[in-house]
């Protein structure tokens, strides 16, 4: 199948080429899919896109006029595509419901440990030959309470690691997963989780009910010295309210691999640009905020899984079959949980707040 691959970077292109094994004609660009770049796909059967790409209705209309009938998302999340409009046009859409959950869970743990044990500051002081320890005190995770919002495969992988540290683990999810219960995870309401946790980690998708799931009201519930980790989607957290909570010392810190307005910012080289986003600049300047650029998924195992499932979707379509990973206009994470067990991002769609 002749496929145009948007947002293809040096880190993922070799994995896609290896998975395709010349069964499909892949043409790559590092540029994002936008209304201005949609014409690149003219004459192709399919496109493959990532989370930074724009699959809104106007872009889909333009793709359709150019003959595109298949869109392979190289992600589990699909908040960046208008599924209803795709269905109206007859464009078939697939995603990657599962790839290494450990990649994201382990990155969340790495960020937590770096924040807690002040490793960036320690390295800075080491280079200055300042060997004082006065500003480097952290805390034991052993004996602390960790709250996990969303217990899909990533949330459960994170819970397993936290149980290994000796932490008590609370969870909030409308589906009480047997695997989590077997680990000793206790399911509670969102308010109870936020009030009782020393560490809160987000592992739920972005949809209508999780957008701004954590805002000023929820930050008031949290412990004053608690740490928030977000490796899911930026808009699950209200950025301005988070900044205010950090400035008011309502939170001890935030570890963020995602950002509410990361499109057009992350995955690109801005070394010679002046960033105008005041909220991002504020977060980047705060000593109790650790930022990474949506890289939690970036392991060889995860990239292999993403590439193989993406190519598998193209295989099905090329043979005239429906892919088991196709999405539909009425798709929700709860609706897909029977098929994918919310394999990547958890299964929250409605929360009793």
C-alpha atoms as a PDB file:
ATOM      1  CA  UNK A   1       0.000   0.000   0.000  1.00  0.00           C
ATOM      2  CA  UNK A   2       1.386   3.388  -0.989  1.00  0.00           C
ATOM      3  CA  UNK A   3       1.588   5.288   2.303  1.00  0.00           C
ATOM      4  CA  UNK A   4       2.755   8.804   3.125  1.00  0.00           C
ATOM      5  CA  UNK A   5       4.206   9.023   6.642  1.00  0.00           C
ATOM      6  CA  UNK A   6       3.951  12.374   8.402  1.00  0.00           C
ATOM      7  CA  UNK A   7       5.999  13.379  11.488  1.00  0.00           C
ATOM      8  CA  UNK A   8       8.591  10.721  10.710  1.00  0.00           C
ATOM      9  CA  UNK A   9      11.811  11.402  12.591  1.00  0.00           C
ATOM     10  CA  UNK A  10      15.200   9.754  12.766  1.00  0.00           C
ATOM     11  CA  UNK A  11      14.171   7.850  15.884  1.00  0.00           C
ATOM     12  CA  UNK A  12      11.173   6.021  14.368  1.00  0.00           C
ATOM     13  CA  UNK A  13      11.781   5.765  10.623  1.00  0.00           C
ATOM     14  CA  UNK A  14      14.119   2.719  10.808  1.00  0.00           C
ATOM     15  CA  UNK A  15      11.555   0.818  12.879  1.00  0.00           C
ATOM     16  CA  UNK A  16       8.811   1.496  10.323  1.00  0.00           C
ATOM     17  CA  UNK A  17      11.057   0.471   7.423  1.00  0.00           C
ATOM     18  CA  UNK A  18      12.039  -2.732   9.205  1.00  0.00           C
ATOM     19  CA  UNK A  19       8.426  -3.605  10.010  1.00  0.00           C
ATOM     20  CA  UNK A  20       7.274  -2.927   6.427  1.00  0.00           C
ATOM     21  CA  UNK A  21       9.882  -5.244   4.896  1.00  0.00           C
ATOM     22  CA  UNK A  22       9.132  -3.651   1.528  1.00  0.00           C
ATOM     23  CA  UNK A  23       5.514  -4.888   1.606  1.00  0.00           C
ATOM     24  CA  UNK A  24       4.399  -1.265   1.431  1.00  0.00           C
ATOM     25  CA  UNK A  25       5.775   1.795  -0.289  1.00  0.00           C
ATOM     26  CA  UNK A  26       6.532   4.266   2.506  1.00  0.00           C
ATOM     27  CA  UNK A  27       7.421   7.883   1.820  1.00  0.00           C
ATOM     28  CA  UNK A  28       8.527   9.943   4.819  1.00  0.00           C
ATOM     29  CA  UNK A  29       8.529  13.570   5.891  1.00  0.00           C
ATOM     30  CA  UNK A  30       9.461  15.145   9.204  1.00  0.00           C
ATOM     31  CA  UNK A  31       6.774  17.754   8.669  1.00  0.00           C
ATOM     32  CA  UNK A  32       3.487  17.545  10.523  1.00  0.00           C
ATOM     33  CA  UNK A  33       0.175  16.987   8.792  1.00  0.00           C
ATOM     34  CA  UNK A  34      -1.632  20.318   8.511  1.00  0.00           C
ATOM     35  CA  UNK A  35      -4.002  21.897   6.034  1.00  0.00           C
ATOM     36  CA  UNK A  36      -0.908  23.329   4.324  1.00  0.00           C
ATOM     37  CA  UNK A  37       0.902  19.974   4.050  1.00  0.00           C
ATOM     38  CA  UNK A  38      -2.047  17.691   3.293  1.00  0.00           C
ATOM     39  CA  UNK A  39      -1.306  17.926  -0.456  1.00  0.00           C
ATOM     40  CA  UNK A  40       1.934  15.983   0.114  1.00  0.00           C
ATOM     41  CA  UNK A  41      -0.213  12.841   0.301  1.00  0.00           C
ATOM     42  CA  UNK A  42      -1.776  13.335  -3.132  1.00  0.00           C
ATOM     43  CA  UNK A  43      -1.650  10.082  -5.076  1.00  0.00           C
ATOM     44  CA  UNK A  44      -1.200   7.895  -2.003  1.00  0.00           C
ATOM     45  CA  UNK A  45      -3.617   5.286  -0.657  1.00  0.00           C
ATOM     46  CA  UNK A  46      -2.980   5.895   3.023  1.00  0.00           C
ATOM     47  CA  UNK A  47      -1.216   8.132   5.482  1.00  0.00           C
ATOM     48  CA  UNK A  48       0.423   7.318   8.813  1.00  0.00           C
ATOM     49  CA  UNK A  49       0.345  10.057  11.440  1.00  0.00           C
ATOM     50  CA  UNK A  50       1.480  10.758  15.001  1.00  0.00           C
ATOM     51  CA  UNK A  51       0.021  12.731  17.897  1.00  0.00           C
ATOM     52  CA  UNK A  52       1.337  16.112  16.688  1.00  0.00           C
ATOM     53  CA  UNK A  53      -0.513  15.817  13.375  1.00  0.00           C
ATOM     54  CA  UNK A  54      -3.751  17.666  12.621  1.00  0.00           C
ATOM     55  CA  UNK A  55      -6.537  15.339  11.538  1.00  0.00           C
ATOM     56  CA  UNK A  56      -9.359  17.836  11.952  1.00  0.00           C
ATOM     57  CA  UNK A  57     -12.348  17.953   9.586  1.00  0.00           C
ATOM     58  CA  UNK A  58     -10.879  20.500   7.104  1.00  0.00           C
ATOM     59  CA  UNK A  59      -7.669  18.464   6.807  1.00  0.00           C
ATOM     60  CA  UNK A  60      -9.633  15.241   6.350  1.00  0.00           C
ATOM     61  CA  UNK A  61     -11.690  16.893   3.600  1.00  0.00           C
ATOM     62  CA  UNK A  62      -8.532  17.826   1.735  1.00  0.00           C
ATOM     63  CA  UNK A  63      -7.036  14.362   2.182  1.00  0.00           C
ATOM     64  CA  UNK A  64     -10.232  12.775   0.871  1.00  0.00           C
ATOM     65  CA  UNK A  65     -10.196  14.846  -2.314  1.00  0.00           C
ATOM     66  CA  UNK A  66      -6.662  13.580  -2.897  1.00  0.00           C
ATOM     67  CA  UNK A  67      -7.704   9.944  -2.676  1.00  0.00           C
ATOM     68  CA  UNK A  68      -6.768   9.103   0.895  1.00  0.00           C
ATOM     69  CA  UNK A  69      -9.071   6.397   2.255  1.00  0.00           C
ATOM     70  CA  UNK A  70      -6.968   5.018   5.116  1.00  0.00           C
ATOM     71  CA  UNK A  71      -5.300   6.686   8.095  1.00  0.00           C
ATOM     72  CA  UNK A  72      -3.002   4.694  10.379  1.00  0.00           C
ATOM     73  CA  UNK A  73      -2.440   6.437  13.713  1.00  0.00           C
ATOM     74  CA  UNK A  74       0.946   5.615  15.218  1.00  0.00           C
ATOM     75  CA  UNK A  75      -0.433   6.081  18.717  1.00  0.00           C
ATOM     76  CA  UNK A  76      -2.945   4.686  21.163  1.00  0.00           C
ATOM     77  CA  UNK A  77      -4.631   8.030  21.709  1.00  0.00           C
ATOM     78  CA  UNK A  78      -6.876   9.468  19.020  1.00  0.00           C
ATOM     79  CA  UNK A  79      -7.884  12.856  20.399  1.00  0.00           C
ATOM     80  CA  UNK A  80      -6.131  14.476  17.411  1.00  0.00           C
ATOM     81  CA  UNK A  81      -8.510  13.060  14.783  1.00  0.00           C
ATOM     82  CA  UNK A  82     -12.155  13.829  14.068  1.00  0.00           C
ATOM     83  CA  UNK A  83     -13.468  10.267  13.940  1.00  0.00           C
ATOM     84  CA  UNK A  84     -17.022  11.337  13.182  1.00  0.00           C
ATOM     85  CA  UNK A  85     -15.947  13.285  10.111  1.00  0.00           C
ATOM     86  CA  UNK A  86     -13.643  10.480   8.972  1.00  0.00           C
ATOM     87  CA  UNK A  87     -16.588   8.074   9.141  1.00  0.00           C
ATOM     88  CA  UNK A  88     -18.774  10.475   7.156  1.00  0.00           C
ATOM     89  CA  UNK A  89     -16.140  10.569   4.427  1.00  0.00           C
ATOM     90  CA  UNK A  90     -15.648   6.819   4.497  1.00  0.00           C
ATOM     91  CA  UNK A  91     -12.017   7.111   5.613  1.00  0.00           C
ATOM     92  CA  UNK A  92     -10.983   4.105   7.700  1.00  0.00           C
ATOM     93  CA  UNK A  93      -8.869   4.849  10.764  1.00  0.00           C
ATOM     94  CA  UNK A  94      -6.754   2.524  12.876  1.00  0.00           C
ATOM     95  CA  UNK A  95      -4.573   3.031  15.931  1.00  0.00           C
ATOM     96  CA  UNK A  96      -1.988   1.188  18.020  1.00  0.00           C
ATOM     97  CA  UNK A  97      -3.914   0.156  21.138  1.00  0.00           C
ATOM     98  CA  UNK A  98      -0.946  -1.478  22.801  1.00  0.00           C
ATOM     99  CA  UNK A  99       2.802  -1.068  22.839  1.00  0.00           C
ATOM    100  CA  UNK A 100       5.289  -1.413  25.661  1.00  0.00           C
ATOM    101  CA  UNK A 101       3.478  -0.075  28.765  1.00  0.00           C
ATOM    102  CA  UNK A 102       6.773  -0.317  30.618  1.00  0.00           C
ATOM    103  CA  UNK A 103       8.318   2.460  28.517  1.00  0.00           C
ATOM    104  CA  UNK A 104       5.905   5.071  29.882  1.00  0.00           C
ATOM    105  CA  UNK A 105       5.621   3.630  33.385  1.00  0.00           C
ATOM    106  CA  UNK A 106       9.394   3.521  33.763  1.00  0.00           C
ATOM    107  CA  UNK A 107       9.769   7.075  32.451  1.00  0.00           C
ATOM    108  CA  UNK A 108       7.241   8.247  35.041  1.00  0.00           C
ATOM    109  CA  UNK A 109       9.323   6.542  37.732  1.00  0.00           C
ATOM    110  CA  UNK A 110      12.541   8.052  36.364  1.00  0.00           C
ATOM    111  CA  UNK A 111      11.037  11.540  36.498  1.00  0.00           C
ATOM    112  CA  UNK A 112       9.749  10.953  40.014  1.00  0.00           C
ATOM    113  CA  UNK A 113      13.157   9.826  41.264  1.00  0.00           C
ATOM    114  CA  UNK A 114      14.945  12.691  39.544  1.00  0.00           C
ATOM    115  CA  UNK A 115      12.535  15.175  41.114  1.00  0.00           C
ATOM    116  CA  UNK A 116      12.466  13.596  44.553  1.00  0.00           C
ATOM    117  CA  UNK A 117      16.211  13.099  44.898  1.00  0.00           C
ATOM    118  CA  UNK A 118      17.112  16.456  43.280  1.00  0.00           C
ATOM    119  CA  UNK A 119      19.376  14.799  40.736  1.00  0.00           C
ATOM    120  CA  UNK A 120      19.464  17.723  38.285  1.00  0.00           C
ATOM    121  CA  UNK A 121      20.527  20.096  41.056  1.00  0.00           C
ATOM    122  CA  UNK A 122      23.046  17.556  42.343  1.00  0.00           C
ATOM    123  CA  UNK A 123      24.626  17.279  38.893  1.00  0.00           C
ATOM    124  CA  UNK A 124      24.738  21.073  38.542  1.00  0.00           C
ATOM    125  CA  UNK A 125      26.454  21.443  41.911  1.00  0.00           C
ATOM    126  CA  UNK A 126      28.879  18.638  41.091  1.00  0.00           C
ATOM    127  CA  UNK A 127      30.048  20.487  37.978  1.00  0.00           C
ATOM    128  CA  UNK A 128      30.553  23.613  40.117  1.00  0.00           C
ATOM    129  CA  UNK A 129      32.560  21.530  42.597  1.00  0.00           C
ATOM    130  CA  UNK A 130      30.064  22.507  45.281  1.00  0.00           C
ATOM    131  CA  UNK A 131      29.712  19.285  47.264  1.00  0.00           C
ATOM    132  CA  UNK A 132      27.347  20.560  49.953  1.00  0.00           C
ATOM    133  CA  UNK A 133      24.152  18.547  50.444  1.00  0.00           C
ATOM    134  CA  UNK A 134      22.011  21.275  51.982  1.00  0.00           C
ATOM    135  CA  UNK A 135      19.541  21.571  49.071  1.00  0.00           C
ATOM    136  CA  UNK A 136      19.337  17.918  48.043  1.00  0.00           C
ATOM    137  CA  UNK A 137      17.134  16.250  50.665  1.00  0.00           C
ATOM    138  CA  UNK A 138      14.452  13.935  49.276  1.00  0.00           C
ATOM    139  CA  UNK A 139      12.132  11.353  50.824  1.00  0.00           C
ATOM    140  CA  UNK A 140      11.680   7.590  50.875  1.00  0.00           C
ATOM    141  CA  UNK A 141       8.975   6.298  48.555  1.00  0.00           C
ATOM    142  CA  UNK A 142       8.778   3.257  50.817  1.00  0.00           C
ATOM    143  CA  UNK A 143       5.831   3.762  53.121  1.00  0.00           C
ATOM    144  CA  UNK A 144       4.306   6.589  51.092  1.00  0.00           C
ATOM    145  CA  UNK A 145       0.906   6.541  49.378  1.00  0.00           C
ATOM    146  CA  UNK A 146       0.831   6.697  45.583  1.00  0.00           C
ATOM    147  CA  UNK A 147      -2.358   7.542  43.679  1.00  0.00           C
ATOM    148  CA  UNK A 148      -2.806   6.292  40.119  1.00  0.00           C
ATOM    149  CA  UNK A 149      -5.535   7.745  37.906  1.00  0.00           C
ATOM    150  CA  UNK A 150      -6.246   5.193  35.180  1.00  0.00           C
ATOM    151  CA  UNK A 151      -5.349   1.525  35.607  1.00  0.00           C
ATOM    152  CA  UNK A 152      -4.888   0.284  32.085  1.00  0.00           C
ATOM    153  CA  UNK A 153      -1.678  -1.545  31.262  1.00  0.00           C
ATOM    154  CA  UNK A 154       0.525   1.510  31.867  1.00  0.00           C
ATOM    155  CA  UNK A 155      -1.149   2.347  35.164  1.00  0.00           C
ATOM    156  CA  UNK A 156      -0.798  -1.245  36.324  1.00  0.00           C
ATOM    157  CA  UNK A 157       2.870  -1.341  35.269  1.00  0.00           C
ATOM    158  CA  UNK A 158       3.446   1.835  37.295  1.00  0.00           C
ATOM    159  CA  UNK A 159       1.541   0.359  40.250  1.00  0.00           C
ATOM    160  CA  UNK A 160       3.698  -2.755  40.157  1.00  0.00           C
ATOM    161  CA  UNK A 161       6.855  -0.647  40.395  1.00  0.00           C
ATOM    162  CA  UNK A 162       5.453   1.440  43.233  1.00  0.00           C
ATOM    163  CA  UNK A 163       4.453  -1.708  45.137  1.00  0.00           C
ATOM    164  CA  UNK A 164       8.042  -2.852  44.666  1.00  0.00           C
ATOM    165  CA  UNK A 165       9.194   0.314  46.411  1.00  0.00           C
ATOM    166  CA  UNK A 166       6.951  -0.578  49.332  1.00  0.00           C
ATOM    167  CA  UNK A 167       4.304   2.093  48.737  1.00  0.00           C
ATOM    168  CA  UNK A 168       0.578   1.902  49.396  1.00  0.00           C
ATOM    169  CA  UNK A 169      -1.184   2.310  46.044  1.00  0.00           C
ATOM    170  CA  UNK A 170      -4.595   3.905  45.537  1.00  0.00           C
ATOM    171  CA  UNK A 171      -6.366   4.003  42.182  1.00  0.00           C
ATOM    172  CA  UNK A 172      -9.277   5.791  40.543  1.00  0.00           C
ATOM    173  CA  UNK A 173     -10.899   4.191  37.520  1.00  0.00           C
ATOM    174  CA  UNK A 174     -14.507   3.249  36.761  1.00  0.00           C
ATOM    175  CA  UNK A 175     -13.274  -0.250  35.938  1.00  0.00           C
ATOM    176  CA  UNK A 176     -11.657  -2.109  38.833  1.00  0.00           C
ATOM    177  CA  UNK A 177      -9.138  -4.265  37.028  1.00  0.00           C
ATOM    178  CA  UNK A 178      -8.548  -7.674  38.569  1.00  0.00           C
ATOM    179  CA  UNK A 179      -4.808  -7.456  37.956  1.00  0.00           C
ATOM    180  CA  UNK A 180      -4.595  -4.231  39.953  1.00  0.00           C
ATOM    181  CA  UNK A 181      -6.705  -5.648  42.780  1.00  0.00           C
ATOM    182  CA  UNK A 182      -4.440  -8.713  42.904  1.00  0.00           C
ATOM    183  CA  UNK A 183      -1.477  -6.358  43.406  1.00  0.00           C
ATOM    184  CA  UNK A 184      -3.182  -4.877  46.466  1.00  0.00           C
ATOM    185  CA  UNK A 185      -4.268  -1.662  44.744  1.00  0.00           C
ATOM    186  CA  UNK A 186      -7.192   0.000  46.526  1.00  0.00           C
ATOM    187  CA  UNK A 187      -9.830   1.669  44.351  1.00  0.00           C
ATOM    188  CA  UNK A 188     -11.195   4.927  45.772  1.00  0.00           C
ATOM    189  CA  UNK A 189     -12.905   8.111  44.570  1.00  0.00           C
ATOM    190  CA  UNK A 190     -10.863  10.826  42.905  1.00  0.00           C
ATOM    191  CA  UNK A 191     -11.175  13.101  45.922  1.00  0.00           C
ATOM    192  CA  UNK A 192     -10.068  10.395  48.336  1.00  0.00           C
ATOM    193  CA  UNK A 193      -7.121   9.562  46.104  1.00  0.00           C
ATOM    194  CA  UNK A 194      -5.961  13.170  45.833  1.00  0.00           C
ATOM    195  CA  UNK A 195      -6.377  13.883  49.542  1.00  0.00           C
ATOM    196  CA  UNK A 196      -4.528  10.765  50.598  1.00  0.00           C
ATOM    197  CA  UNK A 197      -1.641  10.524  48.118  1.00  0.00           C
ATOM    198  CA  UNK A 198       1.918  11.755  48.448  1.00  0.00           C
ATOM    199  CA  UNK A 199       2.462  11.090  44.740  1.00  0.00           C
ATOM    200  CA  UNK A 200      -0.201  11.237  42.003  1.00  0.00           C
ATOM    201  CA  UNK A 201       0.450   9.780  38.542  1.00  0.00           C
ATOM    202  CA  UNK A 202      -1.857  10.217  35.542  1.00  0.00           C
ATOM    203  CA  UNK A 203      -2.383   7.272  33.192  1.00  0.00           C
ATOM    204  CA  UNK A 204      -5.746   8.032  31.582  1.00  0.00           C
ATOM    205  CA  UNK A 205      -6.705   9.169  28.084  1.00  0.00           C
ATOM    206  CA  UNK A 206      -7.770  12.649  27.062  1.00  0.00           C
ATOM    207  CA  UNK A 207     -11.466  12.834  26.238  1.00  0.00           C
ATOM    208  CA  UNK A 208     -14.482  14.987  27.056  1.00  0.00           C
ATOM    209  CA  UNK A 209     -14.613  13.855  30.681  1.00  0.00           C
ATOM    210  CA  UNK A 210     -10.890  13.909  31.476  1.00  0.00           C
ATOM    211  CA  UNK A 211     -10.077  17.304  29.960  1.00  0.00           C
ATOM    212  CA  UNK A 212      -8.981  19.482  32.901  1.00  0.00           C
ATOM    213  CA  UNK A 213      -9.618  16.571  35.243  1.00  0.00           C
ATOM    214  CA  UNK A 214      -7.154  18.291  37.574  1.00  0.00           C
ATOM    215  CA  UNK A 215      -7.749  21.995  38.029  1.00  0.00           C
ATOM    216  CA  UNK A 216      -7.900  24.445  40.953  1.00  0.00           C
ATOM    217  CA  UNK A 217     -10.506  22.498  42.948  1.00  0.00           C
ATOM    218  CA  UNK A 218      -8.612  19.239  42.698  1.00  0.00           C
ATOM    219  CA  UNK A 219      -5.267  20.874  43.514  1.00  0.00           C
ATOM    220  CA  UNK A 220      -6.851  22.148  46.731  1.00  0.00           C
ATOM    221  CA  UNK A 221      -7.578  18.542  47.688  1.00  0.00           C
ATOM    222  CA  UNK A 222      -3.955  17.463  47.248  1.00  0.00           C
ATOM    223  CA  UNK A 223      -1.340  17.378  49.991  1.00  0.00           C
ATOM    224  CA  UNK A 224       0.819  20.483  50.145  1.00  0.00           C
ATOM    225  CA  UNK A 225       4.058  18.624  49.423  1.00  0.00           C
ATOM    226  CA  UNK A 226       2.695  16.059  46.959  1.00  0.00           C
ATOM    227  CA  UNK A 227       4.233  15.406  43.543  1.00  0.00           C
ATOM    228  CA  UNK A 228       2.161  15.226  40.357  1.00  0.00           C
ATOM    229  CA  UNK A 229       3.339  13.123  37.387  1.00  0.00           C
ATOM    230  CA  UNK A 230       1.732  13.439  33.954  1.00  0.00           C
ATOM    231  CA  UNK A 231       2.893  11.140  31.159  1.00  0.00           C
ATOM    232  CA  UNK A 232      -0.565  10.917  29.518  1.00  0.00           C
ATOM    233  CA  UNK A 233      -1.891  14.068  27.819  1.00  0.00           C
ATOM    234  CA  UNK A 234      -1.231  17.690  28.698  1.00  0.00           C
ATOM    235  CA  UNK A 235      -4.824  18.911  28.726  1.00  0.00           C
ATOM    236  CA  UNK A 236      -5.812  16.492  31.497  1.00  0.00           C
ATOM    237  CA  UNK A 237      -4.229  19.148  33.715  1.00  0.00           C
ATOM    238  CA  UNK A 238      -5.312  22.804  33.699  1.00  0.00           C
ATOM    239  CA  UNK A 239      -1.930  24.429  33.131  1.00  0.00           C
ATOM    240  CA  UNK A 240      -2.601  27.851  34.619  1.00  0.00           C
ATOM    241  CA  UNK A 241      -4.171  26.302  37.719  1.00  0.00           C
ATOM    242  CA  UNK A 242      -1.164  23.998  38.068  1.00  0.00           C
ATOM    243  CA  UNK A 243       1.228  26.947  37.892  1.00  0.00           C
ATOM    244  CA  UNK A 244      -0.788  28.771  40.547  1.00  0.00           C
ATOM    245  CA  UNK A 245      -0.804  25.712  42.802  1.00  0.00           C
ATOM    246  CA  UNK A 246       2.968  25.387  42.455  1.00  0.00           C
ATOM    247  CA  UNK A 247       3.515  29.079  43.139  1.00  0.00           C
ATOM    248  CA  UNK A 248       1.269  28.875  46.193  1.00  0.00           C
ATOM    249  CA  UNK A 249       3.309  25.876  47.379  1.00  0.00           C
ATOM    250  CA  UNK A 250       0.134  23.805  47.266  1.00  0.00           C
ATOM    251  CA  UNK A 251       2.132  21.115  45.481  1.00  0.00           C
ATOM    252  CA  UNK A 252       5.667  19.999  46.096  1.00  0.00           C
ATOM    253  CA  UNK A 253       6.456  19.538  42.430  1.00  0.00           C
ATOM    254  CA  UNK A 254       5.335  18.407  38.993  1.00  0.00           C
ATOM    255  CA  UNK A 255       6.912  15.948  36.553  1.00  0.00           C
ATOM    256  CA  UNK A 256       5.502  16.625  33.087  1.00  0.00           C
ATOM    257  CA  UNK A 257       6.292  14.687  29.929  1.00  0.00           C
ATOM    258  CA  UNK A 258       3.332  16.289  28.181  1.00  0.00           C
ATOM    259  CA  UNK A 259       2.075  19.848  27.919  1.00  0.00           C
ATOM    260  CA  UNK A 260      -1.348  21.270  27.137  1.00  0.00           C
ATOM    261  CA  UNK A 261      -0.138  23.264  24.124  1.00  0.00           C
ATOM    262  CA  UNK A 262       2.709  21.050  22.993  1.00  0.00           C
ATOM    263  CA  UNK A 263       1.612  20.868  19.343  1.00  0.00           C
ATOM    264  CA  UNK A 264       3.952  22.990  17.291  1.00  0.00           C
ATOM    265  CA  UNK A 265       6.454  22.932  20.152  1.00  0.00           C
ATOM    266  CA  UNK A 266       7.501  19.382  20.988  1.00  0.00           C
ATOM    267  CA  UNK A 267       9.230  17.109  18.439  1.00  0.00           C
ATOM    268  CA  UNK A 268      10.746  20.146  16.692  1.00  0.00           C
ATOM    269  CA  UNK A 269      13.993  22.138  16.815  1.00  0.00           C
ATOM    270  CA  UNK A 270      13.335  25.597  18.268  1.00  0.00           C
ATOM    271  CA  UNK A 271      16.930  26.447  19.152  1.00  0.00           C
ATOM    272  CA  UNK A 272      16.866  29.557  16.967  1.00  0.00           C
ATOM    273  CA  UNK A 273      13.322  30.616  17.801  1.00  0.00           C
ATOM    274  CA  UNK A 274      11.869  32.780  20.552  1.00  0.00           C
ATOM    275  CA  UNK A 275       9.210  30.780  22.368  1.00  0.00           C
ATOM    276  CA  UNK A 276       6.211  32.975  23.095  1.00  0.00           C
ATOM    277  CA  UNK A 277       4.187  30.594  25.276  1.00  0.00           C
ATOM    278  CA  UNK A 278       4.275  32.255  28.707  1.00  0.00           C
ATOM    279  CA  UNK A 279       2.872  29.244  30.574  1.00  0.00           C
ATOM    280  CA  UNK A 280       5.497  26.925  29.114  1.00  0.00           C
ATOM    281  CA  UNK A 281       8.279  29.389  29.874  1.00  0.00           C
ATOM    282  CA  UNK A 282       6.982  29.733  33.435  1.00  0.00           C
ATOM    283  CA  UNK A 283       6.922  25.972  33.963  1.00  0.00           C
ATOM    284  CA  UNK A 284      10.397  25.602  32.487  1.00  0.00           C
ATOM    285  CA  UNK A 285      11.766  28.219  34.876  1.00  0.00           C
ATOM    286  CA  UNK A 286      10.382  26.629  38.052  1.00  0.00           C
ATOM    287  CA  UNK A 287      12.805  24.599  40.150  1.00  0.00           C
ATOM    288  CA  UNK A 288      10.097  22.227  41.303  1.00  0.00           C
ATOM    289  CA  UNK A 289       9.005  21.329  37.755  1.00  0.00           C
ATOM    290  CA  UNK A 290      10.698  18.675  35.633  1.00  0.00           C
ATOM    291  CA  UNK A 291       9.863  18.752  31.915  1.00  0.00           C
ATOM    292  CA  UNK A 292      10.573  16.287  29.128  1.00  0.00           C
ATOM    293  CA  UNK A 293       9.316  16.605  25.563  1.00  0.00           C
ATOM    294  CA  UNK A 294       6.761  13.781  25.231  1.00  0.00           C
ATOM    295  CA  UNK A 295       9.483  11.152  25.210  1.00  0.00           C
ATOM    296  CA  UNK A 296       8.081   8.627  27.693  1.00  0.00           C
ATOM    297  CA  UNK A 297       7.259   6.185  24.876  1.00  0.00           C
ATOM    298  CA  UNK A 298      10.765   6.422  23.418  1.00  0.00           C
ATOM    299  CA  UNK A 299      12.272   2.973  23.904  1.00  0.00           C
ATOM    300  CA  UNK A 300      13.331   0.442  21.281  1.00  0.00           C
ATOM    301  CA  UNK A 301      10.646  -1.942  22.482  1.00  0.00           C
ATOM    302  CA  UNK A 302       7.864   0.634  22.228  1.00  0.00           C
ATOM    303  CA  UNK A 303       9.002   1.892  18.813  1.00  0.00           C
ATOM    304  CA  UNK A 304       9.104  -1.683  17.546  1.00  0.00           C
ATOM    305  CA  UNK A 305       5.582  -2.325  18.807  1.00  0.00           C
ATOM    306  CA  UNK A 306       4.219   0.901  17.309  1.00  0.00           C
ATOM    307  CA  UNK A 307       5.816   0.215  13.926  1.00  0.00           C
ATOM    308  CA  UNK A 308       4.721  -3.415  13.762  1.00  0.00           C
ATOM    309  CA  UNK A 309       1.085  -2.652  14.597  1.00  0.00           C
ATOM    310  CA  UNK A 310       1.020   0.295  12.186  1.00  0.00           C
ATOM    311  CA  UNK A 311       2.268  -1.924   9.363  1.00  0.00           C
ATOM    312  CA  UNK A 312      -0.103  -4.690  10.402  1.00  0.00           C
ATOM    313  CA  UNK A 313      -3.005  -2.266   9.964  1.00  0.00           C
ATOM    314  CA  UNK A 314      -1.770  -1.502   6.435  1.00  0.00           C
ATOM    315  CA  UNK A 315      -1.447  -5.246   5.775  1.00  0.00           C
ATOM    316  CA  UNK A 316      -5.102  -5.850   6.609  1.00  0.00           C
ATOM    317  CA  UNK A 317      -6.268  -2.984   4.427  1.00  0.00           C
ATOM    318  CA  UNK A 318      -4.089  -4.003   1.501  1.00  0.00           C
ATOM    319  CA  UNK A 319      -5.636  -7.477   1.585  1.00  0.00           C
ATOM    320  CA  UNK A 320      -9.125  -6.008   1.714  1.00  0.00           C
ATOM    321  CA  UNK A 321      -9.815  -6.903   5.342  1.00  0.00           C
ATOM    322  CA  UNK A 322     -10.925  -4.840   8.296  1.00  0.00           C
ATOM    323  CA  UNK A 323      -8.137  -4.319  10.817  1.00  0.00           C
ATOM    324  CA  UNK A 324      -8.907  -5.408  14.401  1.00  0.00           C
ATOM    325  CA  UNK A 325      -7.541  -2.043  15.497  1.00  0.00           C
ATOM    326  CA  UNK A 326      -9.877   0.153  13.483  1.00  0.00           C
ATOM    327  CA  UNK A 327     -11.633   3.023  15.238  1.00  0.00           C
ATOM    328  CA  UNK A 328     -15.214   4.105  14.733  1.00  0.00           C
ATOM    329  CA  UNK A 329     -17.143   7.349  14.999  1.00  0.00           C
ATOM    330  CA  UNK A 330     -18.677   6.427  18.347  1.00  0.00           C
ATOM    331  CA  UNK A 331     -15.390   5.142  19.770  1.00  0.00           C
ATOM    332  CA  UNK A 332     -14.635   5.849  23.414  1.00  0.00           C
ATOM    333  CA  UNK A 333     -11.954   4.395  25.631  1.00  0.00           C
ATOM    334  CA  UNK A 334     -14.629   2.580  27.590  1.00  0.00           C
ATOM    335  CA  UNK A 335     -16.113   1.274  24.362  1.00  0.00           C
ATOM    336  CA  UNK A 336     -12.764  -0.028  23.230  1.00  0.00           C
ATOM    337  CA  UNK A 337     -11.797  -1.551  26.558  1.00  0.00           C
ATOM    338  CA  UNK A 338     -13.352  -4.899  25.715  1.00  0.00           C
ATOM    339  CA  UNK A 339     -11.082  -5.167  22.695  1.00  0.00           C
ATOM    340  CA  UNK A 340      -7.961  -3.505  24.001  1.00  0.00           C
ATOM    341  CA  UNK A 341      -8.513  -3.475  27.758  1.00  0.00           C
ATOM    342  CA  UNK A 342      -7.613   0.181  27.417  1.00  0.00           C
ATOM    343  CA  UNK A 343      -4.223  -1.340  26.822  1.00  0.00           C
ATOM    344  CA  UNK A 344      -2.222   1.816  26.625  1.00  0.00           C
ATOM    345  CA  UNK A 345      -3.864   4.707  28.353  1.00  0.00           C
ATOM    346  CA  UNK A 346      -6.289   3.393  30.945  1.00  0.00           C
ATOM    347  CA  UNK A 347     -10.043   3.361  30.751  1.00  0.00           C
ATOM    348  CA  UNK A 348     -11.410   6.452  32.462  1.00  0.00           C
ATOM    349  CA  UNK A 349     -14.358   8.005  30.644  1.00  0.00           C
ATOM    350  CA  UNK A 350     -16.565   9.122  33.542  1.00  0.00           C
ATOM    351  CA  UNK A 351     -15.441   9.982  37.055  1.00  0.00           C
ATOM    352  CA  UNK A 352     -17.522  10.639  40.144  1.00  0.00           C
ATOM    353  CA  UNK A 353     -15.872  13.836  41.293  1.00  0.00           C
END
